[in-house]
Amino acid sequence: MASGNVDYWAFFADDARRTGSALYARLAQGVCGDDQLRALAAHAKTGQPHANVLFAAVHFLLMRGAQHPLHDFYPDFNGGHMADGDPFPPFRDFCLSYREQLLPLITTRVTNTNEVGRSALLHAGFRVLAREAGAAPLHLIEIGPSAGLNLIWDRYGVRYTRDGAIASEIAAGAPLVIDCALRGAGNPPSGPAPAIAHRLGLELNPVALTDDDDRDWLRALVWPDQGARLSRLDRAIALFMDVKPEIRFGDALALLPAALAAAPADQTLCLYHTIALYQFSREMRTRLDAMLMEASRSRPLWRLSFEGALEGRYPLSLIAYRGGEKNARGLALAHPHGTWLEWWGEE
């Protein structure tokens, strides 16, 4: 669906409503019927989702101190509260008043969101993967890691709840514990985390957490009425600075062959990605799959995928590649930010 058309904005409004952002649902609904704002958002780089870029650019300027009544409608600036009334008129006025400040952000920045909550899903998925692959430590390669915060998924704890009560916990004493509500009867595995021998990210659009602009843009990508995500992001950044896994900058498909070849034979080779491949064309996805099929002729490898929306729900899948063939199975459905998980796989 093309980012600039009315149907796209209507879809985004519905998706924002389903995923828990009443503010962005209303703003997207307003932009849907506003030619000027749709034209402004259309300055985004090719392939970038217009809504995310426009909304993040506005959020960024407000974070940096832009003075405007719109500020009162952003809960993260107001202790979780939002002004009464319709936020769209002040949003529209802000966009038109700050158009010249917004354009440099819209035309250069990308939606390299780094949602730490997805690590609650990775904890479960990698436990299944490790159980299937054997005792060898994991050699992790993440496609599209943004700043790399989900490269250290094992450094976070997870608190799985069901109907408000704790169902299970992982590393409850960790500096950052992610809350994830369970849906359905399934329980994700919560035993000891598999050993990790190596972490590597392949990223086309790098985010330098030591750079104030990059760090603030990453924060601006968090939806303003979801303050818990922002707090979680800030704590994850602090943990990341202690580990600093390697991130190589460039086209993932160009970098991947060398990265796969470099993995030691005594490590379990794992590729993973979380809501990153929407920026891949169909041809690029086909190339990625073919590359992994070919690599599996010399050694087995595994792929953990969290991609593709089904009415606000995203499937978590595990694909095993062996001898030039693959076997895929679904493990769960989940909220795109890891807020909830419906587990299908083994416990």
Protein backbone atom coordinates (compact mmCIF):
# COMPACT_ATOMS: atom_id res chain seq x y z
CA MET A 1 0.00 0.00 0.00
CA ALA A 2 1.51 3.34 -1.08
CA SER A 3 2.35 5.54 1.91
CA GLY A 4 1.02 8.72 0.34
CA ASN A 5 -2.55 7.74 -0.43
CA VAL A 6 -5.71 8.11 1.62
CA ASP A 7 -6.11 4.35 2.10
CA TYR A 8 -2.65 4.17 3.70
CA TRP A 9 -3.49 6.86 6.26
CA ALA A 10 -6.84 5.22 7.02
CA PHE A 11 -5.04 1.89 7.53
CA PHE A 12 -2.48 3.55 9.83
CA ALA A 13 -5.27 5.12 11.89
CA ASP A 14 -6.94 1.73 12.34
CA ASP A 15 -3.63 0.04 13.15
CA ALA A 16 -2.71 2.72 15.71
CA ARG A 17 -6.08 2.27 17.36
CA ARG A 18 -5.61 -1.50 17.53
CA THR A 19 -2.09 -1.21 18.91
CA GLY A 20 -3.00 1.26 21.64
CA SER A 21 -2.33 4.81 20.48
CA ALA A 22 -5.50 6.89 20.53
CA LEU A 23 -3.43 10.02 19.81
CA TYR A 24 -1.82 8.75 16.63
CA ALA A 25 -5.08 7.14 15.52
CA ARG A 26 -6.79 10.55 15.65
CA LEU A 27 -3.88 12.38 14.01
CA ALA A 28 -3.69 9.84 11.17
CA GLN A 29 -7.44 10.11 10.69
CA GLY A 30 -7.04 13.87 10.34
CA VAL A 31 -4.13 13.64 7.91
CA CYS A 32 -6.20 11.20 5.85
CA GLY A 33 -8.44 14.11 4.80
CA ASP A 34 -5.77 16.82 4.59
CA ASP A 35 -4.00 17.31 1.26
CA GLN A 36 -1.37 19.69 2.69
CA LEU A 37 -0.22 17.36 5.43
CA ARG A 38 -0.17 14.32 3.18
CA ALA A 39 1.98 16.32 0.75
CA LEU A 40 4.33 17.30 3.59
CA ALA A 41 4.72 13.68 4.69
CA ALA A 42 5.31 12.64 1.08
CA HIS A 43 8.77 14.26 1.26
CA ALA A 44 9.92 11.16 3.17
CA LYS A 45 12.65 9.06 1.61
CA THR A 46 11.56 6.38 -0.82
CA GLY A 47 10.29 3.31 0.98
CA GLN A 48 9.79 5.04 4.32
CA PRO A 49 6.31 4.95 5.92
CA HIS A 50 5.02 8.52 5.77
CA ALA A 51 3.05 8.46 9.02
CA ASN A 52 5.90 7.23 11.20
CA VAL A 53 8.34 9.75 9.74
CA LEU A 54 5.99 12.74 10.00
CA PHE A 55 4.85 11.90 13.53
CA ALA A 56 8.41 11.28 14.72
CA ALA A 57 9.61 14.57 13.20
CA VAL A 58 6.90 16.48 15.07
CA HIS A 59 7.69 14.59 18.28
CA PHE A 60 11.41 15.32 17.83
CA LEU A 61 10.86 19.08 17.55
CA LEU A 62 8.59 19.09 20.60
CA MET A 63 11.23 17.13 22.54
CA ARG A 64 13.77 19.74 21.52
CA GLY A 65 11.65 22.52 22.98
CA ALA A 66 9.44 23.79 20.14
CA GLN A 67 6.81 26.04 21.72
CA HIS A 68 3.25 25.30 20.64
CA PRO A 69 -0.14 24.36 22.18
CA LEU A 70 0.29 20.89 20.63
CA HIS A 71 2.73 20.18 23.47
CA ASP A 72 -0.22 19.79 25.87
CA PHE A 73 -1.65 16.90 23.86
CA TYR A 74 1.50 14.75 24.16
CA PRO A 75 1.22 12.65 27.34
CA ASP A 76 4.96 11.99 27.61
CA PHE A 77 5.50 15.70 28.27
CA ASN A 78 2.64 15.99 30.75
CA GLY A 79 2.98 13.19 33.25
CA GLY A 80 0.92 10.80 31.16
CA HIS A 81 -1.96 13.23 30.75
CA MET A 82 -3.40 14.69 27.57
CA ALA A 83 -5.23 17.99 27.15
CA ASP A 84 -8.97 17.87 26.55
CA GLY A 85 -10.25 18.43 23.05
CA ASP A 86 -9.29 17.40 19.55
CA PRO A 87 -5.50 17.20 19.02
CA PHE A 88 -5.69 17.40 15.24
CA PRO A 89 -6.23 21.18 14.78
CA PRO A 90 -3.13 22.09 16.86
CA PHE A 91 -1.20 19.29 15.15
CA ARG A 92 -2.08 20.69 11.74
CA ASP A 93 -1.13 24.20 12.82
CA PHE A 94 2.19 22.94 14.20
CA CYS A 95 3.03 21.16 10.95
CA LEU A 96 2.32 24.23 8.86
CA SER A 97 4.02 26.63 11.28
CA TYR A 98 7.16 24.48 11.62
CA ARG A 99 7.21 23.19 8.06
CA GLU A 100 10.75 24.43 7.36
CA GLN A 101 12.09 22.75 10.51
CA LEU A 102 10.22 19.52 9.78
CA LEU A 103 11.39 19.10 6.19
CA PRO A 104 15.08 18.37 6.98
CA LEU A 105 13.96 15.59 9.33
CA ILE A 106 11.32 14.16 7.01
CA THR A 107 13.67 14.08 4.01
CA THR A 108 16.69 12.55 5.76
CA ARG A 109 15.50 10.39 8.67
CA VAL A 110 14.17 6.83 8.57
CA THR A 111 11.95 4.73 10.81
CA ASN A 112 14.70 2.76 12.52
CA THR A 113 12.55 2.12 15.57
CA ASN A 114 14.26 -0.05 18.17
CA GLU A 115 11.41 -1.57 20.18
CA VAL A 116 12.92 -3.33 23.19
CA GLY A 117 9.63 -5.00 24.10
CA ARG A 118 10.16 -7.42 21.22
CA SER A 119 12.90 -9.05 23.29
CA ALA A 120 10.14 -10.72 25.32
CA LEU A 121 9.34 -12.68 22.15
CA LEU A 122 12.99 -13.30 21.33
CA HIS A 123 13.54 -14.84 24.77
CA ALA A 124 10.88 -17.43 23.99
CA GLY A 125 11.83 -17.97 20.36
CA PHE A 126 15.53 -18.46 21.00
CA ARG A 127 14.83 -20.98 23.75
CA VAL A 128 12.90 -23.11 21.26
CA LEU A 129 15.64 -22.63 18.67
CA ALA A 130 18.40 -23.63 21.09
CA ARG A 131 16.46 -26.69 22.24
CA GLU A 132 16.13 -27.81 18.62
CA ALA A 133 19.68 -26.93 17.54
CA GLY A 134 21.53 -28.50 20.46
CA ALA A 135 23.95 -27.34 23.12
CA ALA A 136 26.30 -25.21 20.98
CA PRO A 137 26.31 -21.49 21.85
CA LEU A 138 24.41 -19.16 19.55
CA HIS A 139 26.05 -17.05 16.85
CA LEU A 140 23.54 -14.21 16.42
CA ILE A 141 23.13 -12.11 13.27
CA GLU A 142 20.33 -9.54 13.30
CA ILE A 143 19.09 -7.86 10.14
CA GLY A 144 18.00 -4.27 10.69
CA PRO A 145 18.95 -3.92 14.37
CA SER A 146 18.71 -0.09 14.33
CA ALA A 147 20.76 0.86 17.41
CA GLY A 148 21.18 -2.80 18.39
CA LEU A 149 19.08 -2.91 21.55
CA ASN A 150 17.56 -6.30 20.68
CA LEU A 151 21.03 -7.74 20.10
CA ILE A 152 21.26 -7.90 23.89
CA TRP A 153 17.83 -9.49 24.44
CA ASP A 154 19.30 -11.93 26.96
CA ARG A 155 20.38 -9.05 29.23
CA TYR A 156 16.75 -8.13 29.91
CA GLY A 157 14.36 -9.92 32.21
CA VAL A 158 10.78 -10.80 31.24
CA ARG A 159 7.66 -10.93 33.37
CA TYR A 160 4.93 -12.95 31.65
CA THR A 161 1.49 -12.34 33.12
CA ARG A 162 -1.92 -13.90 32.58
CA ASP A 163 -5.09 -12.11 33.69
CA GLY A 164 -2.98 -9.71 35.74
CA ALA A 165 -1.12 -12.41 37.71
CA ILE A 166 2.50 -13.43 37.16
CA ALA A 167 2.63 -16.63 35.08
CA SER A 168 6.43 -16.92 34.86
CA GLU A 169 9.53 -14.77 35.11
CA ILE A 170 12.95 -14.70 33.49
CA ALA A 171 15.83 -12.93 35.23
CA ALA A 172 13.50 -11.06 37.57
CA GLY A 173 16.46 -9.19 39.07
CA ALA A 174 17.70 -7.75 35.76
CA PRO A 175 18.11 -3.95 35.49
CA LEU A 176 15.31 -3.96 32.90
CA VAL A 177 12.36 -6.34 33.12
CA ILE A 178 9.89 -6.37 30.22
CA ASP A 179 6.23 -6.99 30.99
CA CYS A 180 4.40 -9.19 28.49
CA ALA A 181 0.78 -10.34 28.89
CA LEU A 182 -0.03 -13.88 27.78
CA ARG A 183 -3.13 -14.59 25.72
CA GLY A 184 -4.58 -18.04 25.22
CA ALA A 185 -3.57 -21.15 27.13
CA GLY A 186 0.00 -21.55 25.86
CA ASN A 187 3.05 -20.83 28.01
CA PRO A 188 6.36 -19.76 26.45
CA PRO A 189 9.51 -21.54 27.62
CA SER A 190 11.22 -19.77 30.51
CA GLY A 191 14.20 -21.95 31.44
CA PRO A 192 17.83 -20.77 31.41
CA ALA A 193 18.81 -18.60 28.46
CA PRO A 194 21.00 -20.25 25.82
CA ALA A 195 24.66 -19.26 25.80
CA ILE A 196 25.57 -16.60 23.23
CA ALA A 197 29.01 -16.72 21.63
CA HIS A 198 28.73 -13.80 19.20
CA ARG A 199 26.40 -10.90 18.37
CA LEU A 200 26.39 -9.03 15.06
CA GLY A 201 23.96 -6.55 13.53
CA LEU A 202 23.69 -5.61 9.84
CA GLU A 203 22.20 -2.13 9.51
CA LEU A 204 21.70 0.10 6.47
CA ASN A 205 20.77 3.19 8.50
CA PRO A 206 23.01 3.32 11.57
CA VAL A 207 21.94 4.85 14.87
CA ALA A 208 24.81 6.12 17.01
CA LEU A 209 23.63 6.15 20.61
CA THR A 210 26.51 8.48 21.50
CA ASP A 211 25.10 11.09 19.09
CA ASP A 212 22.46 13.37 20.64
CA ASP A 213 20.49 13.76 17.39
CA ASP A 214 20.42 10.02 16.69
CA ARG A 215 19.46 9.17 20.25
CA ASP A 216 16.69 11.77 20.34
CA TRP A 217 15.36 10.60 16.98
CA LEU A 218 15.19 7.06 18.34
CA ARG A 219 13.24 8.40 21.32
CA ALA A 220 10.97 10.46 19.05
CA LEU A 221 9.96 7.30 17.19
CA VAL A 222 8.29 6.07 20.38
CA TRP A 223 4.60 6.95 20.36
CA PRO A 224 3.98 9.75 22.89
CA ASP A 225 1.01 8.13 24.63
CA GLN A 226 3.05 5.00 25.38
CA GLY A 227 5.36 6.33 28.08
CA ALA A 228 6.36 2.90 29.39
CA ARG A 229 8.06 2.21 26.05
CA LEU A 230 10.13 5.37 26.36
CA SER A 231 11.25 4.53 29.89
CA ARG A 232 12.15 1.02 28.74
CA LEU A 233 14.12 2.43 25.81
CA ASP A 234 16.18 4.70 28.05
CA ARG A 235 17.09 1.83 30.39
CA ALA A 236 17.97 -0.42 27.46
CA ILE A 237 20.30 2.23 26.05
CA ALA A 238 22.18 2.32 29.35
CA LEU A 239 22.58 -1.48 29.28
CA PHE A 240 23.65 -1.46 25.64
CA MET A 241 26.51 0.92 26.37
CA ASP A 242 28.01 -1.74 28.66
CA VAL A 243 27.94 -4.46 25.97
CA LYS A 244 28.31 -2.59 22.66
CA PRO A 245 27.83 -5.50 20.24
CA GLU A 246 29.23 -5.11 16.75
CA ILE A 247 27.02 -3.46 14.12
CA ARG A 248 28.21 -3.37 10.52
CA PHE A 249 26.78 -0.61 8.38
CA GLY A 250 25.57 -1.29 4.86
CA ASP A 251 23.16 -3.33 2.76
CA ALA A 252 22.33 -6.47 4.74
CA LEU A 253 22.15 -8.64 1.63
CA ALA A 254 25.61 -7.50 0.58
CA LEU A 255 27.08 -8.02 4.05
CA LEU A 256 25.35 -11.30 4.88
CA PRO A 257 27.42 -13.82 2.85
CA ALA A 258 30.65 -12.86 4.62
CA ALA A 259 28.88 -12.79 7.99
CA LEU A 260 27.49 -16.30 7.46
CA ALA A 261 30.83 -17.65 6.27
CA ALA A 262 32.65 -16.25 9.31
CA ALA A 263 30.52 -18.11 11.86
CA PRO A 264 32.59 -20.85 13.56
CA ALA A 265 31.41 -24.41 12.96
CA ASP A 266 31.06 -25.08 16.69
CA GLN A 267 28.42 -22.36 17.11
CA THR A 268 24.70 -22.44 16.22
CA LEU A 269 24.19 -20.00 13.36
CA CYS A 270 21.07 -17.87 13.91
CA LEU A 271 19.64 -15.08 11.77
CA TYR A 272 16.78 -12.97 13.10
CA HIS A 273 14.78 -9.84 12.36
CA THR A 274 11.84 -8.05 14.00
CA ILE A 275 9.57 -5.90 11.81
CA ALA A 276 12.48 -4.96 9.57
CA LEU A 277 11.74 -6.69 6.29
CA TYR A 278 8.81 -4.41 5.44
CA GLN A 279 11.58 -2.21 4.01
CA PHE A 280 12.69 -5.07 1.72
CA SER A 281 11.18 -5.47 -1.73
CA ARG A 282 9.70 -8.85 -2.67
CA GLU A 283 12.80 -9.50 -4.76
CA MET A 284 15.06 -8.77 -1.77
CA ARG A 285 13.09 -11.17 0.42
CA THR A 286 13.42 -13.87 -2.22
CA ARG A 287 17.18 -13.26 -2.42
CA LEU A 288 17.51 -13.50 1.35
CA ASP A 289 15.71 -16.83 1.44
CA ALA A 290 17.79 -18.18 -1.46
CA MET A 291 20.99 -17.05 0.25
CA LEU A 292 20.07 -18.93 3.43
CA MET A 293 19.04 -22.03 1.47
CA GLU A 294 22.41 -22.05 -0.26
CA ALA A 295 24.35 -21.48 2.98
CA SER A 296 22.51 -24.41 4.57
CA ARG A 297 24.07 -26.83 2.07
CA SER A 298 27.29 -26.66 4.08
CA ARG A 299 25.84 -26.27 7.59
CA PRO A 300 22.43 -25.99 9.28
CA LEU A 301 21.19 -22.56 10.28
CA TRP A 302 18.09 -21.11 11.92
CA ARG A 303 16.02 -17.99 11.32
CA LEU A 304 13.70 -16.33 13.81
CA SER A 305 11.25 -13.98 12.11
CA PHE A 306 8.79 -11.49 13.61
CA GLU A 307 7.21 -9.83 10.57
CA GLY A 308 3.96 -9.17 8.74
CA ALA A 309 0.83 -7.75 10.33
CA LEU A 310 -2.41 -9.70 10.64
CA GLU A 311 -4.85 -7.02 11.84
CA GLY A 312 -2.46 -5.67 14.45
CA ARG A 313 -1.03 -9.11 15.32
CA TYR A 314 2.38 -10.23 14.15
CA PRO A 315 3.48 -13.87 13.77
CA LEU A 316 6.69 -15.13 15.33
CA SER A 317 8.10 -17.91 13.14
CA LEU A 318 11.07 -20.26 13.32
CA ILE A 319 12.62 -21.51 10.08
CA ALA A 320 15.25 -24.26 10.05
CA TYR A 321 17.47 -24.49 6.96
CA ARG A 322 19.25 -27.81 6.36
CA GLY A 323 20.81 -29.25 3.22
CA GLY A 324 19.30 -26.65 0.92
CA GLU A 325 15.79 -27.17 2.27
CA LYS A 326 13.77 -25.36 4.89
CA ASN A 327 11.13 -26.14 7.46
CA ALA A 328 9.07 -23.26 8.86
CA ARG A 329 6.61 -23.23 11.72
CA GLY A 330 4.70 -20.60 13.65
CA LEU A 331 5.48 -20.14 17.32
CA ALA A 332 3.19 -17.30 18.34
CA LEU A 333 1.20 -14.21 17.52
CA ALA A 334 2.16 -11.02 19.31
CA HIS A 335 1.67 -7.29 19.62
CA PRO A 336 4.26 -5.40 17.52
CA HIS A 337 5.75 -3.84 20.66
CA GLY A 338 5.78 -7.08 22.65
CA THR A 339 2.91 -5.96 24.89
CA TRP A 340 1.19 -9.34 24.62
CA LEU A 341 1.99 -12.80 23.33
CA GLU A 342 -0.23 -15.69 22.23
CA TRP A 343 2.08 -18.69 22.38
CA TRP A 344 1.53 -21.70 20.13
CA GLY A 345 4.88 -23.45 20.42
CA GLU A 346 6.15 -25.96 22.92
CA GLU A 347 6.68 -24.91 26.53
